[in-house]
Amino acid sequence: MATYHFHAYAASALTYDPKAHTVTLRADFDPARDRISVAITDDDRYFSGDFHADELGSDANQTATVTRMDGTVVASGRIYDEEFSALRHNGGKVIEVDRIEIGGVNLGYFATSPLTPGVAYSASGPYNVSESDNTALTYGEIQSVPCFARGTLIATERGEVRIERIGEGDRVLTLDNGYQPVLWIGRFGIRDLSSGDAPAQVTFPVGSLGPGLPQRPLTVTASHRMLLCGADLEYHVAAREALAAAGHLAPAPAGHVACAFHHLLLPRHELVLSNGVWSESLFAGGSLVSGMAPPLQALIRALAGDGHEVTARPCLTRREVTALGRRHRGAALLAA
């Protein structure tokens, strides 16, 4: 059986207004206080409900341990999707929010897209959950509540903005094409790294990528590509600038990681400024998108159009990055 790790909204993080039929994520949302960690073990890909309303759940093999962010265990046992509601704000996309329970106790909420603190979403429902009528979520549809990149600063038209505050339509600074609009932002939960199907993370301390770079500690997935520059690159890719995976520049730690990664989709594959260094935006033609649920793949590729046929710079292999490291004997190649 597989184990899936997510961050969910705590039960106290959302409020429902029965008169206005709205759901609101508290305006002072605090990830340390208003999230829970949920580890689900299951033998299928569906987060099943409690169709018979017996507070046991329809799937006897669907169990979980739920903890607060400080590691305190809140509950454990058979977990189920009690009900779901459909949320929408100002005609935007529909976000499904599902109430998760163990033994009849409301523990919190999963969401198919992150909610914006302080925004009142129009709500329809709640509805019962059943695989037979195709209302059960798949685990690939659940998006973790952001935590990993919280505080990472992205250069935008409004100055440096924390990535969790960037939304669709915001304009971010790119190296090649000035300010470009965000078409889509994704936040993905990280599961047990030992399973081999979740990305590892790399953290670059201040000064590790060059004098004063990054300006603040920067954490990215090991596959996230950073911009390098230098004359020696021409020996490898016949260009003075190239992209290298973070995991090829620094080792990724082993072990369990429970956090989330943020991805920015722009009209083209671009280089954006994060914590003072240039790295890539989401590439719609890459393996990350290919590993997403088919409906999400279709959405991203439809938004991206033909602007993602090639990467913004040539991409180095691990062997090429290793050779560059030997040639420079540790000297920084990062483009500032």
Protein backbone atom coordinates (compact mmCIF):
# COMPACT_ATOMS: atom_id res chain seq x y z
CA MET A 1 0.00 0.00 0.00
CA ALA A 2 1.10 3.55 -0.69
CA THR A 3 1.42 6.35 1.85
CA TYR A 4 0.49 9.90 0.87
CA HIS A 5 1.56 12.97 2.85
CA PHE A 6 -0.36 16.24 2.71
CA HIS A 7 -0.83 19.47 4.57
CA ALA A 8 -4.48 20.41 5.07
CA TYR A 9 -6.32 23.35 6.53
CA ALA A 10 -7.12 22.88 10.22
CA ALA A 11 -10.81 22.76 11.12
CA SER A 12 -10.58 26.20 12.75
CA ALA A 13 -9.00 27.81 9.68
CA LEU A 14 -12.23 27.98 7.65
CA THR A 15 -15.50 29.67 8.60
CA TYR A 16 -18.91 29.29 6.97
CA ASP A 17 -21.48 32.09 6.79
CA PRO A 18 -24.90 30.38 6.50
CA LYS A 19 -26.67 33.60 5.50
CA ALA A 20 -24.29 34.56 2.71
CA HIS A 21 -23.44 30.92 1.84
CA THR A 22 -19.73 31.73 1.82
CA VAL A 23 -16.59 30.03 3.10
CA THR A 24 -13.61 32.14 4.20
CA LEU A 25 -10.04 31.21 5.09
CA ARG A 26 -9.15 33.35 8.09
CA ALA A 27 -7.44 36.61 7.11
CA ASP A 28 -4.64 36.07 9.65
CA PHE A 29 -3.88 32.59 8.29
CA ASP A 30 -0.76 31.23 10.01
CA PRO A 31 0.79 28.05 8.53
CA ALA A 32 2.14 27.00 11.93
CA ARG A 33 -1.26 27.29 13.60
CA ASP A 34 -3.82 26.74 10.85
CA ARG A 35 -2.52 23.60 9.14
CA ILE A 36 -2.44 19.92 9.97
CA SER A 37 -0.22 17.17 8.55
CA VAL A 38 -2.05 14.13 7.17
CA ALA A 39 -0.32 10.84 6.30
CA ILE A 40 -2.75 8.47 4.54
CA THR A 41 -2.06 4.81 3.77
CA ASP A 42 -4.32 3.30 1.12
CA ASP A 43 -4.41 0.46 -1.40
CA ASP A 44 -6.04 2.50 -4.16
CA ARG A 45 -5.87 6.03 -5.56
CA TYR A 46 -9.20 7.30 -4.22
CA PHE A 47 -9.82 9.25 -1.02
CA SER A 48 -13.09 7.51 -0.20
CA GLY A 49 -16.03 8.93 1.72
CA ASP A 50 -18.51 7.79 4.36
CA PHE A 51 -21.37 6.87 2.05
CA HIS A 52 -23.40 5.03 4.71
CA ALA A 53 -22.89 7.80 7.31
CA ASP A 54 -21.70 5.32 9.95
CA GLU A 55 -18.66 7.47 10.86
CA LEU A 56 -16.40 4.58 9.87
CA GLY A 57 -15.79 5.39 6.23
CA SER A 58 -16.43 3.28 3.16
CA ASP A 59 -12.83 2.05 2.78
CA ALA A 60 -11.52 -0.14 5.61
CA ASN A 61 -8.00 0.02 4.16
CA GLN A 62 -7.85 3.84 4.20
CA THR A 63 -6.06 4.83 7.42
CA ALA A 64 -4.17 7.91 8.53
CA THR A 65 -2.24 9.68 11.24
CA VAL A 66 -3.04 13.37 11.65
CA THR A 67 -0.69 15.71 13.52
CA ARG A 68 -0.35 19.38 14.30
CA MET A 69 2.61 21.18 12.76
CA ASP A 70 4.61 20.68 15.97
CA GLY A 71 4.26 16.91 15.57
CA THR A 72 1.55 16.40 18.21
CA VAL A 73 -0.77 13.58 17.15
CA VAL A 74 -4.37 14.75 16.80
CA ALA A 75 -5.98 11.50 15.66
CA SER A 76 -5.27 8.20 13.94
CA GLY A 77 -7.35 5.42 12.42
CA ARG A 78 -9.73 5.04 9.49
CA ILE A 79 -10.00 8.37 7.74
CA TYR A 80 -12.67 9.40 5.25
CA ASP A 81 -14.03 12.28 3.19
CA GLU A 82 -17.21 13.28 5.06
CA GLU A 83 -18.49 15.75 2.45
CA PHE A 84 -17.36 18.29 -0.09
CA SER A 85 -18.38 21.78 -1.22
CA ALA A 86 -17.66 23.70 -4.41
CA LEU A 87 -16.21 27.20 -3.89
CA ARG A 88 -15.88 30.05 -6.36
CA HIS A 89 -14.87 33.71 -6.12
CA ASN A 90 -15.90 36.38 -8.64
CA GLY A 91 -16.56 33.89 -11.41
CA GLY A 92 -13.15 32.27 -11.06
CA LYS A 93 -12.31 28.58 -11.17
CA VAL A 94 -14.17 26.14 -8.94
CA ILE A 95 -12.23 24.90 -5.92
CA GLU A 96 -13.38 21.73 -4.19
CA VAL A 97 -13.01 21.68 -0.40
CA ASP A 98 -13.43 18.33 1.37
CA ARG A 99 -14.02 17.80 5.11
CA ILE A 100 -11.83 15.04 6.52
CA GLU A 101 -12.87 13.03 9.57
CA ILE A 102 -11.80 10.15 11.79
CA GLY A 103 -14.48 8.63 14.01
CA GLY A 104 -16.94 11.44 13.38
CA VAL A 105 -14.51 14.21 14.38
CA ASN A 106 -13.89 17.05 11.92
CA LEU A 107 -10.10 17.30 11.62
CA GLY A 108 -9.75 19.76 8.77
CA TYR A 109 -10.11 20.29 5.05
CA PHE A 110 -8.40 19.27 1.83
CA ALA A 111 -8.63 21.63 -1.15
CA THR A 112 -7.98 21.13 -4.85
CA SER A 113 -6.39 24.59 -5.05
CA PRO A 114 -5.04 26.95 -2.38
CA LEU A 115 -7.45 29.44 -0.82
CA THR A 116 -6.61 33.11 -0.41
CA PRO A 117 -6.75 34.36 3.20
CA GLY A 118 -9.62 36.74 3.90
CA VAL A 119 -11.52 36.04 0.66
CA ALA A 120 -15.18 34.99 0.98
CA TYR A 121 -15.86 32.21 -1.55
CA SER A 122 -19.41 31.49 -2.68
CA ALA A 123 -20.20 27.92 -1.64
CA SER A 124 -22.52 25.27 -3.03
CA GLY A 125 -23.10 22.02 -1.21
CA PRO A 126 -22.20 20.17 0.87
CA TYR A 127 -22.43 16.94 -1.12
CA ASN A 128 -21.89 13.31 -0.19
CA VAL A 129 -18.85 11.44 -1.49
CA SER A 130 -19.01 8.17 -3.41
CA GLU A 131 -16.71 6.48 -5.91
CA SER A 132 -19.78 5.07 -7.70
CA ASP A 133 -20.89 8.53 -8.79
CA ASN A 134 -17.34 9.75 -9.41
CA THR A 135 -17.30 12.28 -6.56
CA ALA A 136 -14.33 10.77 -4.70
CA LEU A 137 -11.08 12.71 -4.99
CA THR A 138 -7.98 11.00 -6.29
CA TYR A 139 -4.86 11.66 -4.25
CA GLY A 140 -3.35 13.43 -7.25
CA GLU A 141 -6.09 16.06 -7.09
CA ILE A 142 -5.35 17.10 -3.52
CA GLN A 143 -3.03 20.08 -3.18
CA SER A 144 -1.14 20.61 0.05
CA VAL A 145 -1.41 23.90 1.88
CA PRO A 146 1.76 25.87 1.02
CA CYS A 147 4.64 25.73 3.48
CA PHE A 148 7.89 24.92 1.72
CA ALA A 149 8.60 28.15 -0.12
CA ARG A 150 6.76 30.45 2.24
CA GLY A 151 8.73 33.70 2.40
CA THR A 152 10.68 33.17 -0.82
CA LEU A 153 10.78 36.56 -2.52
CA ILE A 154 9.99 36.81 -6.23
CA ALA A 155 10.73 40.02 -8.16
CA THR A 156 7.45 41.38 -9.53
CA GLU A 157 6.03 44.58 -10.96
CA ARG A 158 5.12 45.50 -7.37
CA GLY A 159 8.61 44.79 -6.04
CA GLU A 160 9.67 41.65 -4.22
CA VAL A 161 6.63 39.60 -3.21
CA ARG A 162 6.45 36.42 -1.14
CA ILE A 163 5.61 33.59 -3.50
CA GLU A 164 2.56 32.49 -1.52
CA ARG A 165 1.07 35.94 -2.18
CA ILE A 166 1.49 35.75 -5.96
CA GLY A 167 -1.63 34.93 -7.96
CA GLU A 168 -2.76 34.45 -11.52
CA GLY A 169 -2.48 37.71 -13.47
CA ASP A 170 0.36 39.12 -11.38
CA ARG A 171 3.39 40.19 -13.44
CA VAL A 172 6.80 38.83 -12.48
CA LEU A 173 10.19 40.03 -13.67
CA THR A 174 11.92 37.84 -16.27
CA LEU A 175 15.50 38.11 -17.49
CA ASP A 176 14.64 38.06 -21.19
CA ASN A 177 11.18 39.57 -21.59
CA GLY A 178 10.60 42.03 -18.78
CA TYR A 179 7.44 41.63 -16.72
CA GLN A 180 5.29 38.66 -17.71
CA PRO A 181 1.86 37.59 -16.39
CA VAL A 182 1.41 34.51 -14.24
CA LEU A 183 -0.96 32.16 -16.10
CA TRP A 184 -1.19 29.59 -13.34
CA ILE A 185 0.40 28.90 -9.97
CA GLY A 186 0.66 25.40 -8.56
CA ARG A 187 1.46 24.21 -5.07
CA PHE A 188 2.27 20.53 -4.70
CA GLY A 189 2.58 18.43 -1.55
CA ILE A 190 5.69 16.32 -1.03
CA ARG A 191 5.39 12.68 -0.06
CA ASP A 192 7.90 10.25 1.43
CA LEU A 193 11.13 10.58 -0.54
CA SER A 194 11.97 6.91 -0.05
CA SER A 195 9.09 6.00 -2.34
CA GLY A 196 11.04 7.35 -5.28
CA ASP A 197 8.08 9.25 -6.71
CA ALA A 198 8.52 12.58 -4.91
CA PRO A 199 11.08 15.28 -5.62
CA ALA A 200 13.99 15.87 -3.28
CA GLN A 201 14.78 19.36 -2.12
CA VAL A 202 17.99 21.39 -2.10
CA THR A 203 18.63 24.39 0.14
CA PHE A 204 21.25 26.95 -0.88
CA PRO A 205 22.50 29.03 2.09
CA VAL A 206 23.35 32.72 1.68
CA GLY A 207 26.63 33.07 -0.21
CA SER A 208 26.75 29.46 -1.39
CA LEU A 209 26.13 30.39 -5.04
CA GLY A 210 28.43 33.40 -5.23
CA PRO A 211 29.20 36.53 -3.23
CA GLY A 212 26.01 37.30 -1.31
CA LEU A 213 23.96 34.88 -3.42
CA PRO A 214 21.33 33.88 -2.78
CA GLN A 215 20.42 36.93 -0.74
CA ARG A 216 18.38 34.67 1.56
CA PRO A 217 18.40 30.87 1.92
CA LEU A 218 16.74 29.41 -1.16
CA THR A 219 15.06 26.00 -1.25
CA VAL A 220 14.00 24.40 -4.53
CA THR A 221 13.34 20.91 -5.83
CA ALA A 222 16.44 19.02 -6.89
CA SER A 223 15.22 19.11 -10.49
CA HIS A 224 14.65 22.88 -10.46
CA ARG A 225 17.15 24.51 -12.81
CA MET A 226 19.37 27.46 -11.97
CA LEU A 227 21.00 29.83 -14.47
CA LEU A 228 24.77 29.54 -14.85
CA CYS A 229 27.03 31.78 -16.91
CA GLY A 230 30.68 31.85 -17.93
CA ALA A 231 33.03 31.39 -20.85
CA ASP A 232 33.71 27.77 -19.89
CA LEU A 233 30.12 26.87 -20.69
CA GLU A 234 30.96 27.26 -24.38
CA TYR A 235 33.06 24.09 -24.15
CA HIS A 236 29.91 22.15 -23.33
CA VAL A 237 26.91 23.83 -24.92
CA ALA A 238 28.39 26.50 -27.22
CA ALA A 239 26.70 29.19 -25.13
CA ARG A 240 27.75 31.51 -22.34
CA GLU A 241 24.62 30.76 -20.31
CA ALA A 242 22.97 27.45 -19.43
CA LEU A 243 20.66 25.83 -16.91
CA ALA A 244 21.73 23.29 -14.29
CA ALA A 245 19.52 21.26 -11.95
CA ALA A 246 19.86 22.26 -8.31
CA GLY A 247 20.50 18.64 -7.38
CA HIS A 248 23.54 18.64 -9.69
CA LEU A 249 24.94 21.73 -7.97
CA ALA A 250 24.43 20.54 -4.39
CA PRO A 251 23.45 17.23 -2.76
CA ALA A 252 19.82 16.69 -1.82
CA PRO A 253 19.28 15.39 1.73
CA ALA A 254 17.68 11.99 2.17
CA GLY A 255 14.71 11.18 4.35
CA HIS A 256 11.13 12.24 4.82
CA VAL A 257 10.12 15.74 3.77
CA ALA A 258 6.60 17.04 4.25
CA CYS A 259 6.26 20.39 2.56
CA ALA A 260 5.07 21.95 -0.66
CA PHE A 261 6.59 23.47 -3.76
CA HIS A 262 5.28 26.44 -5.70
CA HIS A 263 5.42 26.61 -9.50
CA LEU A 264 4.83 29.66 -11.70
CA LEU A 265 3.58 29.14 -15.26
CA LEU A 266 4.30 32.03 -17.63
CA PRO A 267 3.51 32.40 -21.37
CA ARG A 268 7.03 31.13 -22.13
CA HIS A 269 9.68 29.26 -20.23
CA GLU A 270 11.45 32.13 -18.46
CA LEU A 271 14.09 32.98 -15.90
CA VAL A 272 12.70 34.65 -12.78
CA LEU A 273 14.47 36.31 -9.86
CA SER A 274 13.97 34.47 -6.56
CA ASN A 275 15.86 35.49 -3.43
CA GLY A 276 18.25 37.39 -5.68
CA VAL A 277 19.20 34.63 -8.14
CA TRP A 278 17.85 33.67 -11.56
CA SER A 279 16.15 30.31 -11.93
CA GLU A 280 13.50 28.81 -14.17
CA SER A 281 9.75 29.18 -14.21
CA LEU A 282 7.63 26.08 -14.81
CA PHE A 283 8.39 24.42 -18.15
CA ALA A 284 5.19 22.93 -19.57
CA GLY A 285 7.18 20.54 -21.73
CA GLY A 286 9.04 19.04 -18.79
CA SER A 287 8.77 15.82 -16.80
CA LEU A 288 7.08 17.52 -13.85
CA VAL A 289 3.99 18.34 -15.90
CA SER A 290 4.04 14.89 -17.53
CA GLY A 291 3.71 13.36 -14.07
CA MET A 292 0.60 15.34 -13.14
CA ALA A 293 -2.97 14.10 -13.34
CA PRO A 294 -4.19 14.15 -16.99
CA PRO A 295 -6.79 16.93 -16.46
CA LEU A 296 -4.13 19.17 -14.90
CA GLN A 297 -1.68 18.38 -17.70
CA ALA A 298 -4.31 19.40 -20.23
CA LEU A 299 -5.03 22.66 -18.41
CA ILE A 300 -1.38 23.67 -18.15
CA ARG A 301 -0.58 22.81 -21.76
CA ALA A 302 -3.66 24.67 -22.99
CA LEU A 303 -2.58 27.76 -21.05
CA ALA A 304 1.03 27.46 -22.20
CA GLY A 305 0.20 27.18 -25.90
CA ASP A 306 3.29 27.02 -28.13
CA GLY A 307 5.51 29.08 -25.82
CA HIS A 308 7.03 26.03 -24.15
CA GLU A 309 8.54 24.10 -27.03
CA VAL A 310 12.11 24.82 -25.88
CA THR A 311 13.71 25.82 -22.60
CA ALA A 312 14.92 29.37 -21.99
CA ARG A 313 18.56 28.18 -22.06
CA PRO A 314 20.38 24.93 -22.92
CA CYS A 315 20.27 22.41 -20.08
CA LEU A 316 23.42 20.82 -18.71
CA THR A 317 23.73 17.15 -17.79
CA ARG A 318 25.07 16.01 -14.42
CA ARG A 319 28.36 15.06 -16.07
CA GLU A 320 28.72 18.53 -17.60
CA VAL A 321 28.01 20.21 -14.28
CA THR A 322 30.58 17.99 -12.58
CA ALA A 323 33.16 18.86 -15.24
CA LEU A 324 32.45 22.55 -14.78
CA GLY A 325 32.87 22.21 -11.04
CA ARG A 326 36.29 20.58 -11.48
CA ARG A 327 37.37 23.25 -13.96
CA HIS A 328 36.36 26.07 -11.64
CA ARG A 329 37.47 24.29 -8.46
CA GLY A 330 34.47 25.55 -6.56
CA ALA A 331 34.30 29.04 -8.09
CA ALA A 332 30.77 30.31 -8.55
CA LEU A 333 29.18 30.14 -11.95
CA LEU A 334 25.77 31.39 -10.91
CA ALA A 335 24.33 34.23 -12.94
CA ALA A 336 23.41 37.21 -10.76
